[in-house]
Amino acid sequence: MEFKDYYQILGVDKSATADGIKKAYRKLARQYHPDISKEADAAQRMAEINEANAVLSDAEKRAAYDTVGAQAWARGARSGDDVRPPPGWNAGYEFSDSGPENFRANFSDGNGGHFSEFFEQMFGRAQAGEGTRARARRAYSDQGDAQPRMRGEDQHARIELELIDACRGAERQISLRGAKLDANGHVVPEERTLQVKIPPGVKEGQLIRLAGQGGPGYNGGPAGDLLLEVQIRPDPRWRVDGRDVIQRLRVAPWEAALGASVEIATPDGKAVEVTVPSGSGAGRKLRLKGRGIPSSNTPGDLYLELEIAVPGAVTPEQNTAWEALSGAYPGFDPRRV
């Protein structure tokens, strides 16, 4: 993923206050706005400037970005460098439904705002729009105190779940990390803990809605909702593809050759007997219909991908056994199979 150094793009220090971010953005916007700039790359630069401002002028997004950025800066990364964050790096951060009001770039070419892969990986496409309260302020800015009661903005966060919890459902306590500006305009962390009921059969990317747990209402309006985007925690035992699950199944050479009945644990924690057909080879997939992630419509399948576990020859008896096996297959060449 191509890293974006938003501080470098705006030309500000990493300790810059909210006011400093605003001043830097306005200065660059006057220089590079495509409607007035003579620079050849004005549209591209303005898109980068808008994106950087959308993150650094929002306390929640800036706090999450600084966490990821700290790892990149420690390695000397700059904009354009390839960055590979660890699994689950973006889980647990809480964001409002919108960026700042001036994030929408009204380019003369009609293309609107452009968001990098880095931005979308961190915050999602939904974070690029203008939120309910921002629209309300814009629509009623000329009406003084006649602003209506407005519902609060929805907030978003990504949460990591174990595959067994996604399959069976669970009740879990989660901690969400957010941020706010202090009296001096610096970003300070905020954290809250919620008890969340996870319905059975949630899949990667699905949203769990918590009513009334989003941003506060405007002018006494109701609070928004909190939308939790599900991520399945990586596990060496399984790979998830939609509702299907691919699981490695290690078998002995004689089980693969002669066939066997083996017991396995499925992703929902249940034990089942599986028949390995005789003559099976490494890489063969056995399908267990409906044993993937459940659904009220069409549940996913569980695919068992066979691996041959070859035991070592340690004792004299084991050496003799392997020599006998070799002698039983004269002319066998595994590199030509």
C-alpha atoms as a PDB file:
ATOM      1  CA  MET A   1       0.000   0.000   0.000  1.00  0.00           C
ATOM      2  CA  GLU A   2       1.388   3.410  -0.994  1.00  0.00           C
ATOM      3  CA  PHE A   3       1.897   5.514   2.123  1.00  0.00           C
ATOM      4  CA  LYS A   4       0.656   9.130   2.251  1.00  0.00           C
ATOM      5  CA  ASP A   5       2.542  11.539   4.512  1.00  0.00           C
ATOM      6  CA  TYR A   6      -0.244  14.051   5.085  1.00  0.00           C
ATOM      7  CA  TYR A   7       1.945  16.313   7.216  1.00  0.00           C
ATOM      8  CA  GLN A   8       4.482  16.508   4.405  1.00  0.00           C
ATOM      9  CA  ILE A   9       1.724  17.239   1.866  1.00  0.00           C
ATOM     10  CA  LEU A  10       0.403  20.182   3.916  1.00  0.00           C
ATOM     11  CA  GLY A  11       3.905  21.287   4.934  1.00  0.00           C
ATOM     12  CA  VAL A  12       3.189  21.273   8.673  1.00  0.00           C
ATOM     13  CA  ASP A  13       4.869  19.756  11.699  1.00  0.00           C
ATOM     14  CA  LYS A  14       3.422  16.609  13.281  1.00  0.00           C
ATOM     15  CA  SER A  15       2.625  18.632  16.418  1.00  0.00           C
ATOM     16  CA  ALA A  16       0.662  21.278  14.480  1.00  0.00           C
ATOM     17  CA  THR A  17      -2.536  22.548  16.110  1.00  0.00           C
ATOM     18  CA  ALA A  18      -5.953  22.492  14.453  1.00  0.00           C
ATOM     19  CA  ASP A  19      -5.545  26.195  13.645  1.00  0.00           C
ATOM     20  CA  GLY A  20      -2.150  25.543  12.069  1.00  0.00           C
ATOM     21  CA  ILE A  21      -3.633  22.793   9.888  1.00  0.00           C
ATOM     22  CA  LYS A  22      -6.431  25.118   8.767  1.00  0.00           C
ATOM     23  CA  LYS A  23      -4.047  27.941   7.836  1.00  0.00           C
ATOM     24  CA  ALA A  24      -1.752  25.622   5.880  1.00  0.00           C
ATOM     25  CA  TYR A  25      -4.694  24.141   3.988  1.00  0.00           C
ATOM     26  CA  ARG A  26      -6.125  27.531   3.031  1.00  0.00           C
ATOM     27  CA  LYS A  27      -2.741  28.745   1.802  1.00  0.00           C
ATOM     28  CA  LEU A  28      -2.226  25.694  -0.410  1.00  0.00           C
ATOM     29  CA  ALA A  29      -5.836  25.737  -1.635  1.00  0.00           C
ATOM     30  CA  ARG A  30      -5.361  29.300  -2.893  1.00  0.00           C
ATOM     31  CA  GLN A  31      -2.191  28.189  -4.676  1.00  0.00           C
ATOM     32  CA  TYR A  32      -3.393  24.967  -6.292  1.00  0.00           C
ATOM     33  CA  HIS A  33      -7.157  25.199  -6.802  1.00  0.00           C
ATOM     34  CA  PRO A  34      -7.608  24.166 -10.480  1.00  0.00           C
ATOM     35  CA  ASP A  35      -9.972  27.061 -11.202  1.00  0.00           C
ATOM     36  CA  ILE A  36      -7.278  29.624 -10.501  1.00  0.00           C
ATOM     37  CA  SER A  37      -3.910  27.856 -10.543  1.00  0.00           C
ATOM     38  CA  LYS A  38      -1.540  27.908 -13.507  1.00  0.00           C
ATOM     39  CA  GLU A  39       0.337  24.832 -12.252  1.00  0.00           C
ATOM     40  CA  ALA A  40       0.228  21.857 -14.649  1.00  0.00           C
ATOM     41  CA  ASP A  41      -0.465  19.378 -11.854  1.00  0.00           C
ATOM     42  CA  ALA A  42      -2.887  21.610  -9.939  1.00  0.00           C
ATOM     43  CA  ALA A  43      -5.801  19.142  -9.949  1.00  0.00           C
ATOM     44  CA  GLN A  44      -3.670  16.285  -8.651  1.00  0.00           C
ATOM     45  CA  ARG A  45      -2.023  18.448  -5.980  1.00  0.00           C
ATOM     46  CA  MET A  46      -5.406  19.815  -4.883  1.00  0.00           C
ATOM     47  CA  ALA A  47      -6.758  16.285  -4.504  1.00  0.00           C
ATOM     48  CA  GLU A  48      -3.787  15.376  -2.281  1.00  0.00           C
ATOM     49  CA  ILE A  49      -4.196  18.568  -0.259  1.00  0.00           C
ATOM     50  CA  ASN A  50      -7.928  17.933   0.262  1.00  0.00           C
ATOM     51  CA  GLU A  51      -7.261  14.377   1.339  1.00  0.00           C
ATOM     52  CA  ALA A  52      -4.525  15.404   3.772  1.00  0.00           C
ATOM     53  CA  ASN A  53      -6.748  18.113   5.235  1.00  0.00           C
ATOM     54  CA  ALA A  54      -9.682  15.700   5.571  1.00  0.00           C
ATOM     55  CA  VAL A  55      -7.576  13.516   7.839  1.00  0.00           C
ATOM     56  CA  LEU A  56      -5.494  16.030   9.801  1.00  0.00           C
ATOM     57  CA  SER A  57      -8.376  18.430  10.514  1.00  0.00           C
ATOM     58  CA  ASP A  58     -10.510  15.607  11.963  1.00  0.00           C
ATOM     59  CA  ALA A  59      -9.356  14.641  15.458  1.00  0.00           C
ATOM     60  CA  GLU A  60     -10.553  11.023  15.192  1.00  0.00           C
ATOM     61  CA  LYS A  61      -8.975  10.351  11.794  1.00  0.00           C
ATOM     62  CA  ARG A  62      -5.768  12.139  12.745  1.00  0.00           C
ATOM     63  CA  ALA A  63      -5.328  10.007  15.870  1.00  0.00           C
ATOM     64  CA  ALA A  64      -5.746   6.779  13.854  1.00  0.00           C
ATOM     65  CA  TYR A  65      -3.447   8.061  11.117  1.00  0.00           C
ATOM     66  CA  ASP A  66      -0.739   9.015  13.615  1.00  0.00           C
ATOM     67  CA  THR A  67      -0.763   5.463  15.016  1.00  0.00           C
ATOM     68  CA  VAL A  68      -0.165   3.951  11.583  1.00  0.00           C
ATOM     69  CA  GLY A  69       2.143   6.783  10.543  1.00  0.00           C
ATOM     70  CA  ALA A  70       4.384   6.342  13.568  1.00  0.00           C
ATOM     71  CA  GLN A  71       5.354   2.865  12.354  1.00  0.00           C
ATOM     72  CA  ALA A  72       6.059   4.190   8.851  1.00  0.00           C
ATOM     73  CA  TRP A  73       8.059   7.213  10.039  1.00  0.00           C
ATOM     74  CA  ALA A  74      10.140   4.994  12.328  1.00  0.00           C
ATOM     75  CA  ARG A  75      11.331   3.251   9.143  1.00  0.00           C
ATOM     76  CA  GLY A  76      11.931   6.570   7.391  1.00  0.00           C
ATOM     77  CA  ALA A  77       8.908   6.225   5.068  1.00  0.00           C
ATOM     78  CA  ARG A  78       7.670   9.175   3.018  1.00  0.00           C
ATOM     79  CA  SER A  79       4.758   9.676   0.627  1.00  0.00           C
ATOM     80  CA  GLY A  80       4.826   7.096  -2.147  1.00  0.00           C
ATOM     81  CA  ASP A  81       6.756   4.458  -0.193  1.00  0.00           C
ATOM     82  CA  ASP A  82       5.283   0.966   0.103  1.00  0.00           C
ATOM     83  CA  VAL A  83       3.904   0.295   3.580  1.00  0.00           C
ATOM     84  CA  ARG A  84       2.619  -3.083   4.819  1.00  0.00           C
ATOM     85  CA  PRO A  85       0.732  -2.573   8.089  1.00  0.00           C
ATOM     86  CA  PRO A  86       0.149  -5.614  10.332  1.00  0.00           C
ATOM     87  CA  PRO A  87      -3.188  -7.495  10.293  1.00  0.00           C
ATOM     88  CA  GLY A  88      -5.926  -5.737  12.245  1.00  0.00           C
ATOM     89  CA  TRP A  89      -4.094  -2.391  12.122  1.00  0.00           C
ATOM     90  CA  ASN A  90      -7.300  -0.439  11.458  1.00  0.00           C
ATOM     91  CA  ALA A  91      -9.597  -2.238  13.921  1.00  0.00           C
ATOM     92  CA  GLY A  92     -11.063  -0.442  16.907  1.00  0.00           C
ATOM     93  CA  TYR A  93     -10.832   3.137  15.641  1.00  0.00           C
ATOM     94  CA  GLU A  94     -14.045   5.129  15.679  1.00  0.00           C
ATOM     95  CA  PHE A  95     -14.811   7.745  13.010  1.00  0.00           C
ATOM     96  CA  SER A  96     -17.631  10.166  12.328  1.00  0.00           C
ATOM     97  CA  ASP A  97     -19.653   9.722   9.159  1.00  0.00           C
ATOM     98  CA  SER A  98     -18.063  12.662   7.385  1.00  0.00           C
ATOM     99  CA  GLY A  99     -14.893  14.554   6.889  1.00  0.00           C
ATOM    100  CA  PRO A 100     -14.652  18.337   7.221  1.00  0.00           C
ATOM    101  CA  GLU A 101     -17.009  20.470   5.171  1.00  0.00           C
ATOM    102  CA  ASN A 102     -14.270  21.736   2.869  1.00  0.00           C
ATOM    103  CA  PHE A 103     -13.224  18.197   1.906  1.00  0.00           C
ATOM    104  CA  ARG A 104     -15.448  18.147  -1.152  1.00  0.00           C
ATOM    105  CA  ALA A 105     -13.217  19.376  -3.950  1.00  0.00           C
ATOM    106  CA  ASN A 106     -15.315  21.087  -6.625  1.00  0.00           C
ATOM    107  CA  PHE A 107     -12.908  20.670  -9.501  1.00  0.00           C
ATOM    108  CA  SER A 108     -13.633  22.419 -12.782  1.00  0.00           C
ATOM    109  CA  ASP A 109     -13.119  19.127 -14.625  1.00  0.00           C
ATOM    110  CA  GLY A 110     -16.166  17.694 -12.862  1.00  0.00           C
ATOM    111  CA  ASN A 111     -14.319  14.744 -11.393  1.00  0.00           C
ATOM    112  CA  GLY A 112     -14.960  15.732  -7.793  1.00  0.00           C
ATOM    113  CA  GLY A 113     -12.838  14.415  -4.956  1.00  0.00           C
ATOM    114  CA  HIS A 114     -10.155  11.787  -5.491  1.00  0.00           C
ATOM    115  CA  PHE A 115      -9.213   9.487  -2.685  1.00  0.00           C
ATOM    116  CA  SER A 116      -6.096   7.358  -2.554  1.00  0.00           C
ATOM    117  CA  GLU A 117      -6.018   3.636  -1.853  1.00  0.00           C
ATOM    118  CA  PHE A 118      -4.292   4.502   1.427  1.00  0.00           C
ATOM    119  CA  PHE A 119      -7.232   6.697   2.527  1.00  0.00           C
ATOM    120  CA  GLU A 120      -9.843   4.119   1.535  1.00  0.00           C
ATOM    121  CA  GLN A 121      -7.972   1.301   3.284  1.00  0.00           C
ATOM    122  CA  MET A 122      -7.815   3.338   6.494  1.00  0.00           C
ATOM    123  CA  PHE A 123     -11.213   4.998   6.569  1.00  0.00           C
ATOM    124  CA  GLY A 124     -13.382   3.479   3.823  1.00  0.00           C
ATOM    125  CA  ARG A 125     -15.156   5.239   0.971  1.00  0.00           C
ATOM    126  CA  ALA A 126     -18.043   6.272   3.221  1.00  0.00           C
ATOM    127  CA  GLN A 127     -15.752   8.599   5.146  1.00  0.00           C
ATOM    128  CA  ALA A 128     -15.307  10.961   2.220  1.00  0.00           C
ATOM    129  CA  GLY A 129     -18.750  12.522   2.213  1.00  0.00           C
ATOM    130  CA  GLU A 130     -20.314  15.429   4.026  1.00  0.00           C
ATOM    131  CA  GLY A 131     -22.282  14.487   7.145  1.00  0.00           C
ATOM    132  CA  THR A 132     -25.758  15.330   8.395  1.00  0.00           C
ATOM    133  CA  ARG A 133     -24.777  18.141  10.725  1.00  0.00           C
ATOM    134  CA  ALA A 134     -22.427  19.710   8.191  1.00  0.00           C
ATOM    135  CA  ARG A 135     -25.229  19.747   5.607  1.00  0.00           C
ATOM    136  CA  ALA A 136     -27.607  21.235   8.163  1.00  0.00           C
ATOM    137  CA  ARG A 137     -25.212  24.048   9.002  1.00  0.00           C
ATOM    138  CA  ARG A 138     -24.665  24.739   5.308  1.00  0.00           C
ATOM    139  CA  ALA A 139     -28.374  24.684   4.437  1.00  0.00           C
ATOM    140  CA  TYR A 140     -29.444  26.899   7.326  1.00  0.00           C
ATOM    141  CA  SER A 141     -26.415  29.167   7.616  1.00  0.00           C
ATOM    142  CA  ASP A 142     -28.445  32.177   6.504  1.00  0.00           C
ATOM    143  CA  GLN A 143     -31.330  31.593   8.907  1.00  0.00           C
ATOM    144  CA  GLY A 144     -29.707  32.551  12.220  1.00  0.00           C
ATOM    145  CA  ASP A 145     -31.191  30.560  15.103  1.00  0.00           C
ATOM    146  CA  ALA A 146     -33.822  28.890  12.914  1.00  0.00           C
ATOM    147  CA  GLN A 147     -31.753  25.740  12.577  1.00  0.00           C
ATOM    148  CA  PRO A 148     -33.835  22.550  12.972  1.00  0.00           C
ATOM    149  CA  ARG A 149     -33.324  19.593  15.263  1.00  0.00           C
ATOM    150  CA  MET A 150     -31.119  17.184  13.358  1.00  0.00           C
ATOM    151  CA  ARG A 151     -30.191  13.579  13.910  1.00  0.00           C
ATOM    152  CA  GLY A 152     -26.555  13.039  14.897  1.00  0.00           C
ATOM    153  CA  GLU A 153     -23.994  11.711  12.483  1.00  0.00           C
ATOM    154  CA  ASP A 154     -23.489   7.996  12.193  1.00  0.00           C
ATOM    155  CA  GLN A 155     -20.100   6.784  13.314  1.00  0.00           C
ATOM    156  CA  HIS A 156     -18.056   3.912  11.948  1.00  0.00           C
ATOM    157  CA  ALA A 157     -15.521   1.513  13.419  1.00  0.00           C
ATOM    158  CA  ARG A 158     -13.952  -1.753  12.348  1.00  0.00           C
ATOM    159  CA  ILE A 159     -13.885  -4.650  14.801  1.00  0.00           C
ATOM    160  CA  GLU A 160     -12.004  -7.932  14.614  1.00  0.00           C
ATOM    161  CA  LEU A 161     -13.846 -11.147  15.413  1.00  0.00           C
ATOM    162  CA  GLU A 162     -12.673 -14.707  15.818  1.00  0.00           C
ATOM    163  CA  LEU A 163     -14.159 -16.928  13.137  1.00  0.00           C
ATOM    164  CA  ILE A 164     -16.009 -18.997  15.749  1.00  0.00           C
ATOM    165  CA  ASP A 165     -17.750 -15.836  17.056  1.00  0.00           C
ATOM    166  CA  ALA A 166     -18.741 -14.859  13.514  1.00  0.00           C
ATOM    167  CA  CYS A 167     -20.251 -18.309  12.976  1.00  0.00           C
ATOM    168  CA  ARG A 168     -21.956 -18.887  16.307  1.00  0.00           C
ATOM    169  CA  GLY A 169     -22.638 -15.330  17.474  1.00  0.00           C
ATOM    170  CA  ALA A 170     -21.466 -13.985  20.812  1.00  0.00           C
ATOM    171  CA  GLU A 171     -21.651 -11.113  23.243  1.00  0.00           C
ATOM    172  CA  ARG A 172     -18.392  -9.246  23.535  1.00  0.00           C
ATOM    173  CA  GLN A 173     -17.053  -6.145  25.234  1.00  0.00           C
ATOM    174  CA  ILE A 174     -15.188  -3.956  22.766  1.00  0.00           C
ATOM    175  CA  SER A 175     -13.056  -0.863  23.237  1.00  0.00           C
ATOM    176  CA  LEU A 176     -13.223   1.860  20.597  1.00  0.00           C
ATOM    177  CA  ARG A 177     -10.502   4.429  20.155  1.00  0.00           C
ATOM    178  CA  GLY A 178     -11.405   7.963  19.138  1.00  0.00           C
ATOM    179  CA  ALA A 179      -9.976  11.430  19.716  1.00  0.00           C
ATOM    180  CA  LYS A 180     -10.889  15.044  20.358  1.00  0.00           C
ATOM    181  CA  LEU A 181      -9.207  18.440  20.367  1.00  0.00           C
ATOM    182  CA  ASP A 182      -8.127  19.908  23.678  1.00  0.00           C
ATOM    183  CA  ALA A 183      -8.351  23.593  24.571  1.00  0.00           C
ATOM    184  CA  ASN A 184      -5.054  24.254  22.752  1.00  0.00           C
ATOM    185  CA  GLY A 185      -6.123  22.578  19.511  1.00  0.00           C
ATOM    186  CA  HIS A 186      -4.048  19.440  20.020  1.00  0.00           C
ATOM    187  CA  VAL A 187      -5.391  15.925  19.446  1.00  0.00           C
ATOM    188  CA  VAL A 188      -5.924  13.915  22.636  1.00  0.00           C
ATOM    189  CA  PRO A 189      -7.166  10.301  22.747  1.00  0.00           C
ATOM    190  CA  GLU A 190     -10.626   9.239  23.821  1.00  0.00           C
ATOM    191  CA  GLU A 191     -11.769   5.680  24.467  1.00  0.00           C
ATOM    192  CA  ARG A 192     -15.107   4.073  25.270  1.00  0.00           C
ATOM    193  CA  THR A 193     -16.190   0.519  26.000  1.00  0.00           C
ATOM    194  CA  LEU A 194     -19.395  -1.078  24.710  1.00  0.00           C
ATOM    195  CA  GLN A 195     -21.124  -4.412  25.205  1.00  0.00           C
ATOM    196  CA  VAL A 196     -21.957  -5.722  21.730  1.00  0.00           C
ATOM    197  CA  LYS A 197     -24.217  -8.613  20.748  1.00  0.00           C
ATOM    198  CA  ILE A 198     -22.801 -10.257  17.629  1.00  0.00           C
ATOM    199  CA  PRO A 199     -25.480 -12.085  15.606  1.00  0.00           C
ATOM    200  CA  PRO A 200     -24.587 -15.553  14.287  1.00  0.00           C
ATOM    201  CA  GLY A 201     -23.479 -15.749  10.677  1.00  0.00           C
ATOM    202  CA  VAL A 202     -21.834 -12.331  10.216  1.00  0.00           C
ATOM    203  CA  LYS A 203     -19.279 -12.250   7.414  1.00  0.00           C
ATOM    204  CA  GLU A 204     -16.304 -10.091   6.484  1.00  0.00           C
ATOM    205  CA  GLY A 205     -17.391  -6.524   5.650  1.00  0.00           C
ATOM    206  CA  GLN A 206     -20.875  -6.852   7.166  1.00  0.00           C
ATOM    207  CA  LEU A 207     -22.112  -3.970   9.315  1.00  0.00           C
ATOM    208  CA  ILE A 208     -23.504  -4.388  12.820  1.00  0.00           C
ATOM    209  CA  ARG A 209     -25.694  -1.394  13.659  1.00  0.00           C
ATOM    210  CA  LEU A 210     -25.890  -0.105  17.237  1.00  0.00           C
ATOM    211  CA  ALA A 211     -28.797   2.347  17.354  1.00  0.00           C
ATOM    212  CA  GLY A 212     -28.190   5.598  19.214  1.00  0.00           C
ATOM    213  CA  GLN A 213     -24.497   4.949  19.820  1.00  0.00           C
ATOM    214  CA  GLY A 214     -23.253   7.405  17.191  1.00  0.00           C
ATOM    215  CA  GLY A 215     -22.689  11.150  17.323  1.00  0.00           C
ATOM    216  CA  PRO A 216     -24.928  13.396  19.432  1.00  0.00           C
ATOM    217  CA  GLY A 217     -27.911  15.105  17.818  1.00  0.00           C
ATOM    218  CA  TYR A 218     -27.843  18.681  16.604  1.00  0.00           C
ATOM    219  CA  ASN A 219     -30.093  21.209  18.359  1.00  0.00           C
ATOM    220  CA  GLY A 220     -31.554  18.492  20.585  1.00  0.00           C
ATOM    221  CA  GLY A 221     -32.058  15.906  17.849  1.00  0.00           C
ATOM    222  CA  PRO A 222     -31.591  12.143  18.395  1.00  0.00           C
ATOM    223  CA  ALA A 223     -28.154  10.559  18.362  1.00  0.00           C
ATOM    224  CA  GLY A 224     -26.859   8.803  15.272  1.00  0.00           C
ATOM    225  CA  ASP A 225     -25.976   5.123  15.028  1.00  0.00           C
ATOM    226  CA  LEU A 226     -22.674   3.309  15.371  1.00  0.00           C
ATOM    227  CA  LEU A 227     -21.876   0.989  12.463  1.00  0.00           C
ATOM    228  CA  LEU A 228     -19.356  -1.730  13.240  1.00  0.00           C
ATOM    229  CA  GLU A 229     -17.699  -3.224  10.163  1.00  0.00           C
ATOM    230  CA  VAL A 230     -16.736  -6.848  10.743  1.00  0.00           C
ATOM    231  CA  GLN A 231     -13.225  -8.084  10.066  1.00  0.00           C
ATOM    232  CA  ILE A 232     -12.369 -11.758  10.606  1.00  0.00           C
ATOM    233  CA  ARG A 233      -9.161 -12.103  12.592  1.00  0.00           C
ATOM    234  CA  PRO A 234      -6.484 -13.925  10.547  1.00  0.00           C
ATOM    235  CA  ASP A 235      -5.958 -17.513  11.645  1.00  0.00           C
ATOM    236  CA  PRO A 236      -3.433 -19.984  10.191  1.00  0.00           C
ATOM    237  CA  ARG A 237      -6.051 -22.737  10.304  1.00  0.00           C
ATOM    238  CA  TRP A 238      -8.577 -21.058   7.992  1.00  0.00           C
ATOM    239  CA  ARG A 239      -8.995 -18.755   5.022  1.00  0.00           C
ATOM    240  CA  VAL A 240     -12.320 -16.974   4.561  1.00  0.00           C
ATOM    241  CA  ASP A 241     -13.857 -16.264   1.155  1.00  0.00           C
ATOM    242  CA  GLY A 242     -17.262 -14.630   1.611  1.00  0.00           C
ATOM    243  CA  ARG A 243     -19.185 -17.275   3.528  1.00  0.00           C
ATOM    244  CA  ASP A 244     -16.954 -20.127   2.396  1.00  0.00           C
ATOM    245  CA  VAL A 245     -14.086 -21.259   4.603  1.00  0.00           C
ATOM    246  CA  ILE A 246     -10.949 -23.075   3.411  1.00  0.00           C
ATOM    247  CA  GLN A 247      -9.290 -25.223   6.076  1.00  0.00           C
ATOM    248  CA  ARG A 248      -6.075 -27.208   5.876  1.00  0.00           C
ATOM    249  CA  LEU A 249      -6.353 -30.907   6.716  1.00  0.00           C
ATOM    250  CA  ARG A 250      -3.105 -32.770   7.358  1.00  0.00           C
ATOM    251  CA  VAL A 251      -3.228 -36.515   6.693  1.00  0.00           C
ATOM    252  CA  ALA A 252      -0.638 -39.296   6.873  1.00  0.00           C
ATOM    253  CA  PRO A 253       0.611 -40.787   3.584  1.00  0.00           C
ATOM    254  CA  TRP A 254      -1.215 -44.064   4.289  1.00  0.00           C
ATOM    255  CA  GLU A 255      -4.458 -42.184   5.053  1.00  0.00           C
ATOM    256  CA  ALA A 256      -4.210 -40.410   1.706  1.00  0.00           C
ATOM    257  CA  ALA A 257      -3.319 -43.624  -0.142  1.00  0.00           C
ATOM    258  CA  LEU A 258      -5.711 -46.050   1.544  1.00  0.00           C
ATOM    259  CA  GLY A 259      -8.476 -43.702   2.639  1.00  0.00           C
ATOM    260  CA  ALA A 260      -9.453 -42.924   6.207  1.00  0.00           C
ATOM    261  CA  SER A 261     -12.091 -41.482   8.489  1.00  0.00           C
ATOM    262  CA  VAL A 262     -10.737 -38.535  10.483  1.00  0.00           C
ATOM    263  CA  GLU A 263     -12.274 -36.145  13.006  1.00  0.00           C
ATOM    264  CA  ILE A 264     -11.962 -32.403  12.483  1.00  0.00           C
ATOM    265  CA  ALA A 265     -13.154 -29.250  14.276  1.00  0.00           C
ATOM    266  CA  THR A 266     -15.287 -27.020  12.032  1.00  0.00           C
ATOM    267  CA  PRO A 267     -15.153 -23.188  12.211  1.00  0.00           C
ATOM    268  CA  ASP A 268     -18.200 -23.143  14.507  1.00  0.00           C
ATOM    269  CA  GLY A 269     -16.363 -25.305  17.044  1.00  0.00           C
ATOM    270  CA  LYS A 270     -18.182 -28.581  16.334  1.00  0.00           C
ATOM    271  CA  ALA A 271     -16.460 -31.919  15.740  1.00  0.00           C
ATOM    272  CA  VAL A 272     -17.377 -33.921  12.613  1.00  0.00           C
ATOM    273  CA  GLU A 273     -16.168 -37.130  10.972  1.00  0.00           C
ATOM    274  CA  VAL A 274     -14.770 -36.717   7.457  1.00  0.00           C
ATOM    275  CA  THR A 275     -14.000 -39.458   4.949  1.00  0.00           C
ATOM    276  CA  VAL A 276     -10.719 -39.061   3.085  1.00  0.00           C
ATOM    277  CA  PRO A 277     -11.088 -40.978  -0.195  1.00  0.00           C
ATOM    278  CA  SER A 278      -8.380 -43.482  -1.092  1.00  0.00           C
ATOM    279  CA  GLY A 279      -5.839 -42.243  -3.624  1.00  0.00           C
ATOM    280  CA  SER A 280      -6.073 -38.630  -2.454  1.00  0.00           C
ATOM    281  CA  GLY A 281      -3.153 -36.324  -3.186  1.00  0.00           C
ATOM    282  CA  ALA A 282      -1.875 -33.121  -1.650  1.00  0.00           C
ATOM    283  CA  GLY A 283      -3.995 -30.121  -2.616  1.00  0.00           C
ATOM    284  CA  ARG A 284      -7.203 -32.083  -3.119  1.00  0.00           C
ATOM    285  CA  LYS A 285     -10.249 -30.285  -1.698  1.00  0.00           C
ATOM    286  CA  LEU A 286     -13.072 -32.004   0.109  1.00  0.00           C
ATOM    287  CA  ARG A 287     -16.308 -30.027   0.250  1.00  0.00           C
ATOM    288  CA  LEU A 288     -18.519 -30.035   3.327  1.00  0.00           C
ATOM    289  CA  LYS A 289     -21.691 -28.356   2.118  1.00  0.00           C
ATOM    290  CA  GLY A 290     -23.210 -25.786   4.463  1.00  0.00           C
ATOM    291  CA  ARG A 291     -20.388 -26.064   7.017  1.00  0.00           C
ATOM    292  CA  GLY A 292     -18.960 -22.610   6.345  1.00  0.00           C
ATOM    293  CA  ILE A 293     -20.299 -19.358   7.785  1.00  0.00           C
ATOM    294  CA  PRO A 294     -24.051 -19.836   8.382  1.00  0.00           C
ATOM    295  CA  SER A 295     -26.820 -17.780   6.786  1.00  0.00           C
ATOM    296  CA  SER A 296     -30.606 -17.796   6.855  1.00  0.00           C
ATOM    297  CA  ASN A 297     -30.495 -17.961   3.047  1.00  0.00           C
ATOM    298  CA  THR A 298     -27.505 -19.862   1.676  1.00  0.00           C
ATOM    299  CA  PRO A 299     -24.812 -20.860   4.167  1.00  0.00           C
ATOM    300  CA  GLY A 300     -21.219 -21.089   3.049  1.00  0.00           C
ATOM    301  CA  ASP A 301     -19.306 -24.315   2.505  1.00  0.00           C
ATOM    302  CA  LEU A 302     -16.239 -25.668   4.250  1.00  0.00           C
ATOM    303  CA  TYR A 303     -13.439 -26.818   1.946  1.00  0.00           C
ATOM    304  CA  LEU A 304     -10.790 -29.124   3.401  1.00  0.00           C
ATOM    305  CA  GLU A 305      -7.497 -28.761   1.541  1.00  0.00           C
ATOM    306  CA  LEU A 306      -5.379 -31.881   2.012  1.00  0.00           C
ATOM    307  CA  GLU A 307      -1.742 -31.732   3.041  1.00  0.00           C
ATOM    308  CA  ILE A 308       0.425 -34.846   3.303  1.00  0.00           C
ATOM    309  CA  ALA A 309       2.294 -34.959   6.609  1.00  0.00           C
ATOM    310  CA  VAL A 310       5.347 -37.168   6.115  1.00  0.00           C
ATOM    311  CA  PRO A 311       6.759 -38.665   9.318  1.00  0.00           C
ATOM    312  CA  GLY A 312      10.495 -38.870   9.786  1.00  0.00           C
ATOM    313  CA  ALA A 313      12.493 -42.098   9.946  1.00  0.00           C
ATOM    314  CA  VAL A 314      14.064 -42.083  13.403  1.00  0.00           C
ATOM    315  CA  THR A 315      14.181 -45.673  14.629  1.00  0.00           C
ATOM    316  CA  PRO A 316      15.692 -48.654  12.762  1.00  0.00           C
ATOM    317  CA  GLU A 317      12.194 -50.098  12.372  1.00  0.00           C
ATOM    318  CA  GLN A 318      10.972 -46.899  10.718  1.00  0.00           C
ATOM    319  CA  ASN A 319      13.928 -46.872   8.337  1.00  0.00           C
ATOM    320  CA  THR A 320      13.174 -50.467   7.427  1.00  0.00           C
ATOM    321  CA  ALA A 321       9.529 -49.585   6.795  1.00  0.00           C
ATOM    322  CA  TRP A 322      10.423 -46.735   4.439  1.00  0.00           C
ATOM    323  CA  GLU A 323      12.919 -48.933   2.579  1.00  0.00           C
ATOM    324  CA  ALA A 324      10.231 -51.563   2.153  1.00  0.00           C
ATOM    325  CA  LEU A 325       7.830 -48.945   0.820  1.00  0.00           C
ATOM    326  CA  SER A 326      10.441 -47.732  -1.639  1.00  0.00           C
ATOM    327  CA  GLY A 327      10.987 -51.289  -2.816  1.00  0.00           C
ATOM    328  CA  ALA A 328       7.248 -51.763  -3.369  1.00  0.00           C
ATOM    329  CA  TYR A 329       7.232 -48.950  -5.952  1.00  0.00           C
ATOM    330  CA  PRO A 330      10.111 -49.675  -8.372  1.00  0.00           C
ATOM    331  CA  GLY A 331      10.526 -46.948 -10.968  1.00  0.00           C
ATOM    332  CA  PHE A 332       8.292 -44.452  -9.132  1.00  0.00           C
ATOM    333  CA  ASP A 333       9.501 -40.894  -9.808  1.00  0.00           C
ATOM    334  CA  PRO A 334       7.582 -38.228  -7.815  1.00  0.00           C
ATOM    335  CA  ARG A 335       9.086 -35.436  -9.942  1.00  0.00           C
ATOM    336  CA  ARG A 336       7.317 -36.793 -13.031  1.00  0.00           C
ATOM    337  CA  VAL A 337       3.886 -37.252 -11.451  1.00  0.00           C
END
